[in-house]
PDB file of N, CA and C in Angstrom:
ATOM      1  N   MET A   1       0.894  -1.147  -0.032  1.00  0.00           N
ATOM      2  CA  MET A   1       0.282  -0.032   0.039  1.00  0.00           C
ATOM      3  C   MET A   1       0.804   1.328   0.079  1.00  0.00           C
ATOM      4  N   SER A   2       2.184   1.080   0.464  1.00  0.00           N
ATOM      5  CA  SER A   2       2.867   2.471   0.730  1.00  0.00           C
ATOM      6  C   SER A   2       3.400   3.024  -0.696  1.00  0.00           C
ATOM      7  N   SER A   3       3.392   1.910  -1.647  1.00  0.00           N
ATOM      8  CA  SER A   3       3.945   2.522  -3.150  1.00  0.00           C
ATOM      9  C   SER A   3       2.543   3.364  -3.565  1.00  0.00           C
ATOM     10  N   VAL A   4       1.353   3.190  -3.196  1.00  0.00           N
ATOM     11  CA  VAL A   4       0.263   4.105  -3.683  1.00  0.00           C
ATOM     12  C   VAL A   4       0.478   5.483  -3.210  1.00  0.00           C
ATOM     13  N   PHE A   5       0.842   5.523  -2.121  1.00  0.00           N
ATOM     14  CA  PHE A   5       1.153   6.825  -1.584  1.00  0.00           C
ATOM     15  C   PHE A   5       2.082   7.721  -2.228  1.00  0.00           C
ATOM     16  N   ILE A   6       3.243   6.847  -2.505  1.00  0.00           N
ATOM     17  CA  ILE A   6       4.281   7.357  -3.262  1.00  0.00           C
ATOM     18  C   ILE A   6       4.140   7.912  -4.741  1.00  0.00           C
ATOM     19  N   VAL A   7       3.523   6.939  -5.240  1.00  0.00           N
ATOM     20  CA  VAL A   7       3.014   7.167  -6.543  1.00  0.00           C
ATOM     21  C   VAL A   7       1.973   8.286  -6.629  1.00  0.00           C
ATOM     22  N   GLY A   8       1.120   8.442  -5.947  1.00  0.00           N
ATOM     23  CA  GLY A   8       0.296   9.595  -5.827  1.00  0.00           C
ATOM     24  C   GLY A   8       1.048  10.922  -5.618  1.00  0.00           C
ATOM     25  N   GLY A   9       2.052  10.923  -4.553  1.00  0.00           N
ATOM     26  CA  GLY A   9       2.689  11.991  -4.425  1.00  0.00           C
ATOM     27  C   GLY A   9       3.373  12.582  -5.705  1.00  0.00           C
ATOM     28  N   ALA A  10       4.437  11.301  -6.507  1.00  0.00           N
ATOM     29  CA  ALA A  10       5.194  11.675  -7.527  1.00  0.00           C
ATOM     30  C   ALA A  10       4.353  12.179  -8.778  1.00  0.00           C
ATOM     31  N   THR A  11       2.998  11.627  -8.686  1.00  0.00           N
ATOM     32  CA  THR A  11       2.102  12.135  -9.871  1.00  0.00           C
ATOM     33  C   THR A  11       1.659  13.649  -9.739  1.00  0.00           C
ATOM     34  N   SER A  12       1.500  13.883  -8.546  1.00  0.00           N
ATOM     35  CA  SER A  12       1.055  15.355  -8.228  1.00  0.00           C
ATOM     36  C   SER A  12       2.106  16.262  -8.591  1.00  0.00           C
ATOM     37  N   VAL A  13       3.382  15.971  -8.209  1.00  0.00           N
ATOM     38  CA  VAL A  13       4.638  16.570  -8.684  1.00  0.00           C
ATOM     39  C   VAL A  13       4.671  16.826 -10.016  1.00  0.00           C
ATOM     40  N   LEU A  14       4.456  15.852 -10.803  1.00  0.00           N
ATOM     41  CA  LEU A  14       4.421  15.811 -12.414  1.00  0.00           C
ATOM     42  C   LEU A  14       3.439  16.803 -12.945  1.00  0.00           C
ATOM     43  N   ARG A  15       2.534  16.771 -12.238  1.00  0.00           N
ATOM     44  CA  ARG A  15       1.355  17.722 -12.819  1.00  0.00           C
ATOM     45  C   ARG A  15       1.682  19.301 -12.324  1.00  0.00           C
ATOM     46  N   GLY A  16       2.759  19.416 -11.543  1.00  0.00           N
ATOM     47  CA  GLY A  16       3.122  20.685 -10.969  1.00  0.00           C
ATOM     48  C   GLY A  16       2.328  21.039  -9.704  1.00  0.00           C
ATOM     49  N   GLY A  17       1.853  19.900  -9.097  1.00  0.00           N
ATOM     50  CA  GLY A  17       1.402  20.047  -7.610  1.00  0.00           C
ATOM     51  C   GLY A  17       2.472  19.740  -6.423  1.00  0.00           C
ATOM     52  N   LYS A  18       1.927  19.715  -5.358  1.00  0.00           N
ATOM     53  CA  LYS A  18       2.873  19.258  -4.224  1.00  0.00           C
ATOM     54  C   LYS A  18       2.792  17.840  -3.742  1.00  0.00           C
ATOM     55  N   PHE A  19       3.977  17.296  -3.678  1.00  0.00           N
ATOM     56  CA  PHE A  19       4.210  15.920  -3.437  1.00  0.00           C
ATOM     57  C   PHE A  19       3.288  15.382  -2.128  1.00  0.00           C
ATOM     58  N   GLY A  20       3.033  16.155  -1.109  1.00  0.00           N
ATOM     59  CA  GLY A  20       2.137  15.976   0.121  1.00  0.00           C
ATOM     60  C   GLY A  20       0.658  15.936  -0.132  1.00  0.00           C
ATOM     61  N   HIS A  21       0.320  16.673  -1.331  1.00  0.00           N
ATOM     62  CA  HIS A  21      -1.106  16.609  -1.719  1.00  0.00           C
ATOM     63  C   HIS A  21      -1.401  15.323  -2.460  1.00  0.00           C
ATOM     64  N   GLY A  22      -0.733  15.065  -3.285  1.00  0.00           N
ATOM     65  CA  GLY A  22      -0.800  13.817  -3.981  1.00  0.00           C
ATOM     66  C   GLY A  22      -0.675  12.596  -3.094  1.00  0.00           C
ATOM     67  N   PHE A  23       0.156  12.605  -2.047  1.00  0.00           N
ATOM     68  CA  PHE A  23       0.618  11.552  -1.106  1.00  0.00           C
ATOM     69  C   PHE A  23      -0.871  11.380  -0.252  1.00  0.00           C
ATOM     70  N   ALA A  24      -1.110  12.434   0.131  1.00  0.00           N
ATOM     71  CA  ALA A  24      -2.490  12.361   1.123  1.00  0.00           C
ATOM     72  C   ALA A  24      -3.716  12.043   0.189  1.00  0.00           C
ATOM     73  N   SER A  25      -3.865  12.564  -0.887  1.00  0.00           N
ATOM     74  CA  SER A  25      -5.157  11.986  -1.590  1.00  0.00           C
ATOM     75  C   SER A  25      -5.070  10.566  -2.192  1.00  0.00           C
ATOM     76  N   ALA A  26      -3.964  10.181  -2.533  1.00  0.00           N
ATOM     77  CA  ALA A  26      -3.799   8.706  -3.007  1.00  0.00           C
ATOM     78  C   ALA A  26      -4.161   7.844  -1.706  1.00  0.00           C
ATOM     79  N   GLY A  27      -3.270   8.234  -0.568  1.00  0.00           N
ATOM     80  CA  GLY A  27      -3.719   7.427   0.583  1.00  0.00           C
ATOM     81  C   GLY A  27      -4.933   7.233   1.142  1.00  0.00           C
ATOM     82  N   ALA A  28      -5.531   8.427   1.061  1.00  0.00           N
ATOM     83  CA  ALA A  28      -6.861   8.328   1.582  1.00  0.00           C
ATOM     84  C   ALA A  28      -7.951   7.597   0.552  1.00  0.00           C
ATOM     85  N   THR A  29      -7.562   7.525  -0.614  1.00  0.00           N
ATOM     86  CA  THR A  29      -8.292   7.019  -1.629  1.00  0.00           C
ATOM     87  C   THR A  29      -8.141   5.484  -1.346  1.00  0.00           C
ATOM     88  N   GLN A  30      -6.854   5.181  -1.238  1.00  0.00           N
ATOM     89  CA  GLN A  30      -6.462   3.531  -0.903  1.00  0.00           C
ATOM     90  C   GLN A  30      -7.249   3.165   0.287  1.00  0.00           C
ATOM     91  N   MET A  31      -7.265   3.938   1.340  1.00  0.00           N
ATOM     92  CA  MET A  31      -7.695   3.425   2.658  1.00  0.00           C
ATOM     93  C   MET A  31      -9.351   3.444   2.522  1.00  0.00           C
ATOM     94  N   ALA A  32      -9.863   4.287   1.660  1.00  0.00           N
ATOM     95  CA  ALA A  32     -11.343   4.230   1.478  1.00  0.00           C
ATOM     96  C   ALA A  32     -11.693   2.899   0.456  1.00  0.00           C
ATOM     97  N   SER A  33     -10.701   2.293  -0.335  1.00  0.00           N
ATOM     98  CA  SER A  33     -10.960   1.505  -1.210  1.00  0.00           C
ATOM     99  C   SER A  33     -11.919   0.124  -0.727  1.00  0.00           C
ATOM    100  N   PRO A  34     -11.840  -0.325   0.389  1.00  0.00           N
ATOM    101  CA  PRO A  34     -12.755  -1.395   0.771  1.00  0.00           C
ATOM    102  C   PRO A  34     -14.326  -0.979   0.718  1.00  0.00           C
ATOM    103  N   ALA A  35     -14.580   0.362   1.155  1.00  0.00           N
ATOM    104  CA  ALA A  35     -15.894   0.953   1.193  1.00  0.00           C
ATOM    105  C   ALA A  35     -16.203   1.087  -0.169  1.00  0.00           C
ATOM    106  N   ILE A  36     -15.238   1.721  -1.086  1.00  0.00           N
ATOM    107  CA  ILE A  36     -15.616   1.926  -2.571  1.00  0.00           C
ATOM    108  C   ILE A  36     -15.765   0.721  -3.305  1.00  0.00           C
ATOM    109  N   SER A  37     -15.168  -0.344  -2.974  1.00  0.00           N
ATOM    110  CA  SER A  37     -15.511  -1.620  -3.629  1.00  0.00           C
ATOM    111  C   SER A  37     -16.619  -2.275  -3.386  1.00  0.00           C
ATOM    112  N   LYS A  38     -17.519  -1.998  -2.359  1.00  0.00           N
ATOM    113  CA  LYS A  38     -18.732  -2.156  -2.021  1.00  0.00           C
ATOM    114  C   LYS A  38     -19.917  -1.595  -2.745  1.00  0.00           C
ATOM    115  N   ILE A  39     -19.537  -0.481  -3.520  1.00  0.00           N
ATOM    116  CA  ILE A  39     -20.513   0.153  -4.559  1.00  0.00           C
ATOM    117  C   ILE A  39     -20.373  -0.779  -5.659  1.00  0.00           C
ATOM    118  N   ALA A  40     -21.847  -1.161  -5.949  1.00  0.00           N
ATOM    119  CA  ALA A  40     -22.304  -1.960  -6.969  1.00  0.00           C
ATOM    120  C   ALA A  40     -21.520  -3.301  -6.942  1.00  0.00           C
ATOM    121  N   LYS A  41     -21.370  -3.759  -5.911  1.00  0.00           N
ATOM    122  CA  LYS A  41     -20.578  -4.943  -5.586  1.00  0.00           C
ATOM    123  C   LYS A  41     -21.037  -6.206  -6.365  1.00  0.00           C
ATOM    124  N   GLY A  42     -19.985  -6.829  -7.135  1.00  0.00           N
ATOM    125  CA  GLY A  42     -20.498  -7.782  -7.870  1.00  0.00           C
ATOM    126  C   GLY A  42     -20.647  -7.493  -9.391  1.00  0.00           C
ATOM    127  N   ASN A  43     -20.819  -6.165  -9.494  1.00  0.00           N
ATOM    128  CA  ASN A  43     -21.086  -5.653 -10.842  1.00  0.00           C
ATOM    129  C   ASN A  43     -19.904  -5.012 -11.571  1.00  0.00           C
ATOM    130  N   HIS A  44     -19.501  -5.896 -12.355  1.00  0.00           N
ATOM    131  CA  HIS A  44     -18.110  -5.487 -13.077  1.00  0.00           C
ATOM    132  C   HIS A  44     -18.197  -5.062 -14.530  1.00  0.00           C
ATOM    133  N   ASP A  45     -19.493  -4.558 -14.770  1.00  0.00           N
ATOM    134  CA  ASP A  45     -19.753  -4.140 -16.204  1.00  0.00           C
ATOM    135  C   ASP A  45     -19.331  -2.451 -15.924  1.00  0.00           C
ATOM    136  N   PHE A  46     -19.505  -1.915 -17.276  1.00  0.00           N
ATOM    137  CA  PHE A  46     -19.217  -0.536 -17.270  1.00  0.00           C
ATOM    138  C   PHE A  46     -20.078   0.179 -16.145  1.00  0.00           C
ATOM    139  N   ALA A  47     -21.109   0.278 -15.781  1.00  0.00           N
ATOM    140  CA  ALA A  47     -21.836   0.899 -14.938  1.00  0.00           C
ATOM    141  C   ALA A  47     -21.143   0.782 -13.479  1.00  0.00           C
ATOM    142  N   GLY A  48     -20.904  -0.445 -13.060  1.00  0.00           N
ATOM    143  CA  GLY A  48     -20.575  -0.742 -11.611  1.00  0.00           C
ATOM    144  C   GLY A  48     -19.001   0.031 -11.760  1.00  0.00           C
ATOM    145  N   ARG A  49     -18.157  -0.180 -12.649  1.00  0.00           N
ATOM    146  CA  ARG A  49     -16.871   0.220 -12.598  1.00  0.00           C
ATOM    147  C   ARG A  49     -16.959   1.814 -12.799  1.00  0.00           C
ATOM    148  N   ALA A  50     -17.751   2.328 -13.383  1.00  0.00           N
ATOM    149  CA  ALA A  50     -17.929   3.801 -13.663  1.00  0.00           C
ATOM    150  C   ALA A  50     -18.185   4.450 -12.139  1.00  0.00           C
ATOM    151  N   ALA A  51     -19.223   3.608 -11.598  1.00  0.00           N
ATOM    152  CA  ALA A  51     -19.616   4.447 -10.348  1.00  0.00           C
ATOM    153  C   ALA A  51     -18.479   4.343  -9.191  1.00  0.00           C
ATOM    154  N   ARG A  52     -17.609   3.094  -9.135  1.00  0.00           N
ATOM    155  CA  ARG A  52     -16.638   2.913  -8.318  1.00  0.00           C
ATOM    156  C   ARG A  52     -15.511   4.027  -8.676  1.00  0.00           C
ATOM    157  N   ILE A  53     -15.194   4.164  -9.702  1.00  0.00           N
ATOM    158  CA  ILE A  53     -14.048   5.143 -10.264  1.00  0.00           C
ATOM    159  C   ILE A  53     -14.512   6.402 -10.056  1.00  0.00           C
ATOM    160  N   SER A  54     -15.738   6.810 -10.011  1.00  0.00           N
ATOM    161  CA  SER A  54     -16.191   8.211  -9.921  1.00  0.00           C
ATOM    162  C   SER A  54     -16.184   8.552  -8.268  1.00  0.00           C
ATOM    163  N   VAL A  55     -16.561   7.422  -7.557  1.00  0.00           N
ATOM    164  CA  VAL A  55     -16.417   8.028  -6.158  1.00  0.00           C
ATOM    165  C   VAL A  55     -14.983   7.814  -5.540  1.00  0.00           C
ATOM    166  N   ALA A  56     -14.154   7.072  -6.146  1.00  0.00           N
ATOM    167  CA  ALA A  56     -12.499   7.502  -5.800  1.00  0.00           C
ATOM    168  C   ALA A  56     -12.111   8.755  -6.383  1.00  0.00           C
ATOM    169  N   ALA A  57     -12.589   9.196  -7.471  1.00  0.00           N
ATOM    170  CA  ALA A  57     -12.160  10.598  -8.182  1.00  0.00           C
ATOM    171  C   ALA A  57     -12.619  11.625  -7.094  1.00  0.00           C
ATOM    172  N   ILE A  58     -13.910  11.494  -6.591  1.00  0.00           N
ATOM    173  CA  ILE A  58     -14.514  12.329  -5.559  1.00  0.00           C
ATOM    174  C   ILE A  58     -13.791  12.407  -4.202  1.00  0.00           C
ATOM    175  N   VAL A  59     -13.507  11.230  -3.813  1.00  0.00           N
ATOM    176  CA  VAL A  59     -12.487  11.016  -2.656  1.00  0.00           C
ATOM    177  C   VAL A  59     -11.207  11.747  -2.645  1.00  0.00           C
ATOM    178  N   ALA A  60     -10.528  11.486  -3.603  1.00  0.00           N
ATOM    179  CA  ALA A  60      -9.202  11.784  -3.895  1.00  0.00           C
ATOM    180  C   ALA A  60      -9.139  13.303  -4.096  1.00  0.00           C
ATOM    181  N   GLY A  61      -9.976  13.819  -4.897  1.00  0.00           N
ATOM    182  CA  GLY A  61     -10.235  15.365  -5.266  1.00  0.00           C
ATOM    183  C   GLY A  61     -10.474  16.231  -3.794  1.00  0.00           C
ATOM    184  N   THR A  62     -11.343  15.503  -3.202  1.00  0.00           N
ATOM    185  CA  THR A  62     -11.883  16.224  -1.980  1.00  0.00           C
ATOM    186  C   THR A  62     -10.656  16.420  -0.893  1.00  0.00           C
ATOM    187  N   ILE A  63      -9.717  15.458  -0.658  1.00  0.00           N
ATOM    188  CA  ILE A  63      -8.808  15.149  -0.082  1.00  0.00           C
ATOM    189  C   ILE A  63      -7.724  16.194  -0.317  1.00  0.00           C
ATOM    190  N   SER A  64      -7.424  16.189  -1.738  1.00  0.00           N
ATOM    191  CA  SER A  64      -6.392  17.017  -2.407  1.00  0.00           C
ATOM    192  C   SER A  64      -6.624  18.358  -2.068  1.00  0.00           C
ATOM    193  N   ASP A  65      -7.977  18.944  -2.326  1.00  0.00           N
ATOM    194  CA  ASP A  65      -8.509  20.373  -2.098  1.00  0.00           C
ATOM    195  C   ASP A  65      -8.644  20.616  -0.595  1.00  0.00           C
ATOM    196  N   ALA A  66      -8.847  19.487   0.239  1.00  0.00           N
ATOM    197  CA  ALA A  66      -8.788  19.898   1.756  1.00  0.00           C
ATOM    198  C   ALA A  66      -7.287  20.092   2.269  1.00  0.00           C
ATOM    199  N   THR A  67      -6.431  19.450   1.494  1.00  0.00           N
ATOM    200  CA  THR A  67      -4.800  19.732   2.135  1.00  0.00           C
ATOM    201  C   THR A  67      -4.255  20.875   1.141  1.00  0.00           C
ATOM    202  N   GLY A  68      -4.868  21.476   0.457  1.00  0.00           N
ATOM    203  CA  GLY A  68      -4.329  22.732  -0.113  1.00  0.00           C
ATOM    204  C   GLY A  68      -4.168  22.600  -1.604  1.00  0.00           C
ATOM    205  N   GLY A  69      -4.271  21.335  -2.102  1.00  0.00           N
ATOM    206  CA  GLY A  69      -3.860  21.225  -3.579  1.00  0.00           C
ATOM    207  C   GLY A  69      -5.244  21.255  -4.531  1.00  0.00           C
ATOM    208  N   LYS A  70      -5.066  20.955  -5.620  1.00  0.00           N
ATOM    209  CA  LYS A  70      -6.136  21.062  -6.658  1.00  0.00           C
ATOM    210  C   LYS A  70      -7.063  20.147  -6.707  1.00  0.00           C
ATOM    211  N   PHE A  71      -8.523  20.231  -6.647  1.00  0.00           N
ATOM    212  CA  PHE A  71      -9.249  19.189  -6.646  1.00  0.00           C
ATOM    213  C   PHE A  71      -8.970  18.258  -7.964  1.00  0.00           C
ATOM    214  N   ALA A  72      -8.863  19.036  -9.098  1.00  0.00           N
ATOM    215  CA  ALA A  72      -8.819  18.153 -10.222  1.00  0.00           C
ATOM    216  C   ALA A  72      -7.617  17.363 -10.222  1.00  0.00           C
ATOM    217  N   ASN A  73      -6.700  17.530  -9.700  1.00  0.00           N
ATOM    218  CA  ASN A  73      -5.444  16.822  -9.811  1.00  0.00           C
ATOM    219  C   ASN A  73      -5.580  15.432  -8.937  1.00  0.00           C
ATOM    220  N   GLY A  74      -6.357  15.759  -7.778  1.00  0.00           N
ATOM    221  CA  GLY A  74      -6.426  14.693  -6.994  1.00  0.00           C
ATOM    222  C   GLY A  74      -7.569  13.545  -7.651  1.00  0.00           C
ATOM    223  N   ALA A  75      -8.542  14.363  -8.235  1.00  0.00           N
ATOM    224  CA  ALA A  75      -9.683  13.536  -8.732  1.00  0.00           C
ATOM    225  C   ALA A  75      -9.095  12.769  -9.889  1.00  0.00           C
ATOM    226  N   ILE A  76      -8.066  13.147 -10.763  1.00  0.00           N
ATOM    227  CA  ILE A  76      -7.604  12.423 -11.933  1.00  0.00           C
ATOM    228  C   ILE A  76      -6.694  11.293 -11.349  1.00  0.00           C
ATOM    229  N   THR A  77      -5.821  11.492 -10.199  1.00  0.00           N
ATOM    230  CA  THR A  77      -5.112  10.589  -9.700  1.00  0.00           C
ATOM    231  C   THR A  77      -5.916   9.414  -8.891  1.00  0.00           C
ATOM    232  N   GLY A  78      -7.142   9.656  -8.210  1.00  0.00           N
ATOM    233  CA  GLY A  78      -7.904   8.922  -7.657  1.00  0.00           C
ATOM    234  C   GLY A  78      -8.782   7.909  -8.833  1.00  0.00           C
ATOM    235  N   ALA A  79      -9.118   8.431  -9.936  1.00  0.00           N
ATOM    236  CA  ALA A  79      -9.864   7.984 -10.934  1.00  0.00           C
ATOM    237  C   ALA A  79      -9.013   6.848 -11.551  1.00  0.00           C
ATOM    238  N   PHE A  80      -7.583   7.120 -11.956  1.00  0.00           N
ATOM    239  CA  PHE A  80      -6.714   6.466 -12.541  1.00  0.00           C
ATOM    240  C   PHE A  80      -6.329   5.238 -11.841  1.00  0.00           C
ATOM    241  N   SER A  81      -5.893   5.636 -10.447  1.00  0.00           N
ATOM    242  CA  SER A  81      -5.641   4.646  -9.485  1.00  0.00           C
ATOM    243  C   SER A  81      -6.723   3.520  -9.474  1.00  0.00           C
ATOM    244  N   ARG A  82      -7.952   3.882  -9.170  1.00  0.00           N
ATOM    245  CA  ARG A  82      -9.191   2.894  -9.126  1.00  0.00           C
ATOM    246  C   ARG A  82      -9.280   1.966 -10.434  1.00  0.00           C
ATOM    247  N   ALA A  83      -9.075   2.870 -11.423  1.00  0.00           N
ATOM    248  CA  ALA A  83      -9.278   2.117 -12.566  1.00  0.00           C
ATOM    249  C   ALA A  83      -8.368   1.045 -13.038  1.00  0.00           C
ATOM    250  N   PHE A  84      -6.964   1.438 -12.828  1.00  0.00           N
ATOM    251  CA  PHE A  84      -6.068   0.684 -13.339  1.00  0.00           C
ATOM    252  C   PHE A  84      -5.476  -0.477 -12.042  1.00  0.00           C
ATOM    253  N   ASN A  85      -5.559  -0.059 -10.802  1.00  0.00           N
ATOM    254  CA  ASN A  85      -5.431  -0.989  -9.752  1.00  0.00           C
ATOM    255  C   ASN A  85      -6.295  -1.876  -9.289  1.00  0.00           C
ATOM    256  N   ASP A  86      -7.617  -1.140  -8.716  1.00  0.00           N
ATOM    257  CA  ASP A  86      -8.510  -1.946  -8.276  1.00  0.00           C
ATOM    258  C   ASP A  86      -9.220  -2.747  -8.933  1.00  0.00           C
ATOM    259  N   ASP A  87     -10.022  -2.093 -10.126  1.00  0.00           N
ATOM    260  CA  ASP A  87     -11.021  -2.814 -10.848  1.00  0.00           C
ATOM    261  C   ASP A  87     -10.230  -3.583 -11.871  1.00  0.00           C
ATOM    262  N   TYR A  88      -9.073  -3.275 -12.286  1.00  0.00           N
ATOM    263  CA  TYR A  88      -8.391  -4.162 -13.197  1.00  0.00           C
ATOM    264  C   TYR A  88      -8.148  -5.560 -12.720  1.00  0.00           C
ATOM    265  N   ARG A  89      -7.740  -5.514 -11.400  1.00  0.00           N
ATOM    266  CA  ARG A  89      -7.497  -6.664 -10.743  1.00  0.00           C
ATOM    267  C   ARG A  89      -8.478  -7.858 -10.684  1.00  0.00           C
ATOM    268  N   HIS A  90      -9.665  -7.407 -10.831  1.00  0.00           N
ATOM    269  CA  HIS A  90     -10.893  -8.279 -10.814  1.00  0.00           C
ATOM    270  C   HIS A  90     -10.946  -8.800 -11.972  1.00  0.00           C
ATOM    271  N   LYS A  91     -10.829  -8.222 -13.157  1.00  0.00           N
ATOM    272  CA  LYS A  91     -10.819  -8.728 -14.685  1.00  0.00           C
ATOM    273  C   LYS A  91      -9.721  -9.763 -14.600  1.00  0.00           C
ATOM    274  N   ALA A  92      -8.471  -9.436 -14.201  1.00  0.00           N
ATOM    275  CA  ALA A  92      -7.180 -10.347 -14.418  1.00  0.00           C
ATOM    276  C   ALA A  92      -7.589 -11.602 -13.631  1.00  0.00           C
ATOM    277  N   LYS A  93      -8.109 -11.426 -12.457  1.00  0.00           N
ATOM    278  CA  LYS A  93      -8.371 -12.591 -11.793  1.00  0.00           C
ATOM    279  C   LYS A  93      -9.335 -13.629 -12.113  1.00  0.00           C
ATOM    280  N   THR A  94     -10.281 -12.924 -12.842  1.00  0.00           N
ATOM    281  CA  THR A  94     -11.525 -13.763 -13.561  1.00  0.00           C
ATOM    282  C   THR A  94     -10.814 -14.386 -14.699  1.00  0.00           C
ATOM    283  N   ASN A  95     -10.159 -13.974 -15.416  1.00  0.00           N
ATOM    284  CA  ASN A  95      -9.457 -14.576 -16.681  1.00  0.00           C
ATOM    285  C   ASN A  95      -8.749 -15.632 -16.208  1.00  0.00           C
ATOM    286  N   VAL A  96      -7.735 -15.568 -15.178  1.00  0.00           N
ATOM    287  CA  VAL A  96      -6.780 -16.420 -14.728  1.00  0.00           C
ATOM    288  C   VAL A  96      -7.774 -17.677 -14.027  1.00  0.00           C
ATOM    289  N   ALA A  97      -8.808 -17.186 -13.598  1.00  0.00           N
ATOM    290  CA  ALA A  97      -9.557 -18.446 -13.122  1.00  0.00           C
ATOM    291  C   ALA A  97     -10.292 -19.299 -14.051  1.00  0.00           C
ATOM    292  N   LYS A  98     -10.676 -18.422 -15.278  1.00  0.00           N
ATOM    293  CA  LYS A  98     -11.172 -19.364 -16.384  1.00  0.00           C
ATOM    294  C   LYS A  98     -10.393 -20.262 -17.071  1.00  0.00           C
ATOM    295  N   LEU A  99      -8.978 -19.717 -17.192  1.00  0.00           N
ATOM    296  CA  LEU A  99      -8.004 -20.447 -17.673  1.00  0.00           C
ATOM    297  C   LEU A  99      -7.673 -21.849 -16.719  1.00  0.00           C
ATOM    298  N   LEU A 100      -7.758 -21.619 -15.608  1.00  0.00           N
ATOM    299  CA  LEU A 100      -7.247 -22.536 -14.623  1.00  0.00           C
ATOM    300  C   LEU A 100      -8.538 -23.723 -14.640  1.00  0.00           C
ATOM    301  N   LEU A 101      -9.849 -23.139 -14.601  1.00  0.00           N
ATOM    302  CA  LEU A 101     -10.930 -24.223 -14.455  1.00  0.00           C
ATOM    303  C   LEU A 101     -10.961 -25.131 -15.815  1.00  0.00           C
ATOM    304  N   GLN A 102     -10.524 -24.485 -16.934  1.00  0.00           N
ATOM    305  CA  GLN A 102     -10.518 -25.429 -18.199  1.00  0.00           C
ATOM    306  C   GLN A 102     -10.030 -26.716 -18.053  1.00  0.00           C
ATOM    307  N   GLY A 103      -8.827 -26.831 -17.285  1.00  0.00           N
ATOM    308  CA  GLY A 103      -8.081 -27.887 -17.233  1.00  0.00           C
ATOM    309  C   GLY A 103      -8.307 -29.017 -16.122  1.00  0.00           C
ATOM    310  N   MET A 104      -9.251 -28.437 -15.170  1.00  0.00           N
ATOM    311  CA  MET A 104      -9.526 -29.174 -14.027  1.00  0.00           C
ATOM    312  C   MET A 104     -10.673 -30.479 -13.934  1.00  0.00           C
ATOM    313  N   ILE A 105     -10.431 -31.248 -13.133  1.00  0.00           N
ATOM    314  CA  ILE A 105     -11.458 -32.188 -13.022  1.00  0.00           C
ATOM    315  C   ILE A 105     -12.640 -31.706 -11.937  1.00  0.00           C
ATOM    316  N   PRO A 106     -13.720 -32.151 -11.967  1.00  0.00           N
ATOM    317  CA  PRO A 106     -14.607 -31.534 -11.235  1.00  0.00           C
ATOM    318  C   PRO A 106     -14.361 -31.342  -9.731  1.00  0.00           C
ATOM    319  N   GLU A 107     -13.501 -32.442  -9.148  1.00  0.00           N
ATOM    320  CA  GLU A 107     -13.392 -31.974  -7.754  1.00  0.00           C
ATOM    321  C   GLU A 107     -12.332 -31.016  -7.467  1.00  0.00           C
ATOM    322  N   GLU A 108     -11.576 -30.722  -8.277  1.00  0.00           N
ATOM    323  CA  GLU A 108     -10.535 -29.710  -8.341  1.00  0.00           C
ATOM    324  C   GLU A 108     -11.460 -28.408  -8.570  1.00  0.00           C
ATOM    325  N   LYS A 109     -12.375 -28.420  -9.445  1.00  0.00           N
ATOM    326  CA  LYS A 109     -13.039 -27.080  -9.602  1.00  0.00           C
ATOM    327  C   LYS A 109     -13.837 -26.589  -8.626  1.00  0.00           C
ATOM    328  N   ARG A 110     -14.517 -27.619  -7.826  1.00  0.00           N
ATOM    329  CA  ARG A 110     -15.352 -27.188  -6.671  1.00  0.00           C
ATOM    330  C   ARG A 110     -14.415 -26.647  -5.706  1.00  0.00           C
ATOM    331  N   TYR A 111     -13.139 -27.256  -5.298  1.00  0.00           N
ATOM    332  CA  TYR A 111     -12.339 -26.921  -4.283  1.00  0.00           C
ATOM    333  C   TYR A 111     -11.546 -25.491  -4.805  1.00  0.00           C
ATOM    334  N   PHE A 112     -11.349 -25.262  -6.090  1.00  0.00           N
ATOM    335  CA  PHE A 112     -10.823 -23.915  -6.431  1.00  0.00           C
ATOM    336  C   PHE A 112     -11.777 -22.769  -6.370  1.00  0.00           C
ATOM    337  N   LEU A 113     -12.916 -23.054  -6.731  1.00  0.00           N
ATOM    338  CA  LEU A 113     -14.179 -22.077  -6.578  1.00  0.00           C
ATOM    339  C   LEU A 113     -14.570 -21.889  -5.134  1.00  0.00           C
ATOM    340  N   LYS A 114     -14.458 -22.723  -4.243  1.00  0.00           N
ATOM    341  CA  LYS A 114     -14.551 -22.322  -2.823  1.00  0.00           C
ATOM    342  C   LYS A 114     -13.225 -21.553  -2.303  1.00  0.00           C
ATOM    343  N   LEU A 115     -12.244 -21.711  -2.726  1.00  0.00           N
ATOM    344  CA  LEU A 115     -11.033 -20.860  -2.350  1.00  0.00           C
ATOM    345  C   LEU A 115     -11.522 -19.456  -3.016  1.00  0.00           C
ATOM    346  N   LEU A 116     -12.054 -19.333  -4.018  1.00  0.00           N
ATOM    347  CA  LEU A 116     -12.164 -17.901  -4.590  1.00  0.00           C
ATOM    348  C   LEU A 116     -13.058 -17.041  -3.784  1.00  0.00           C
ATOM    349  N   LYS A 117     -14.094 -17.803  -3.332  1.00  0.00           N
ATOM    350  CA  LYS A 117     -14.928 -17.201  -2.387  1.00  0.00           C
ATOM    351  C   LYS A 117     -14.576 -16.573  -1.318  1.00  0.00           C
ATOM    352  N   HIS A 118     -13.346 -16.956  -0.635  1.00  0.00           N
ATOM    353  CA  HIS A 118     -12.647 -16.492   0.407  1.00  0.00           C
ATOM    354  C   HIS A 118     -11.856 -15.462   0.292  1.00  0.00           C
TER     355      HIS A 118
END
C-alpha cells in the first residue's frame, strides 16, 4: 500500500502540484478502497466500474482540495488509481480463473471455486 502513497505524491509533482497533496489524496483513496469496492458490489460491467471510479475521484479530489492542492489533480489520480489498480485486478483474476478451470477435474473445480469465495 505504501507504493500507492508515493506514486500519488510523484504524480502530483509531475502535474505541477506538491508531493504532500498527492500523497494524502492517494493514501486516503486507498484507505477508502474497501468501502468503495462495496459500491455496485459484484457488478463489473461499465456502470459498476464507472460508479466506483467516480467515487474514488471524488474522494481523492476532496482530500487534495482539503490539503491545499487542486481538486482536479486529486480526482484524476484517484480515478486512474481505481481504474487501473483495483477494478483491473478483478478482470485479471477472472481471466486466470477461467483458464485454470478449463483443465481441472470436477473435484478440483469445486475446491478452487471455494477458495475464490474466501
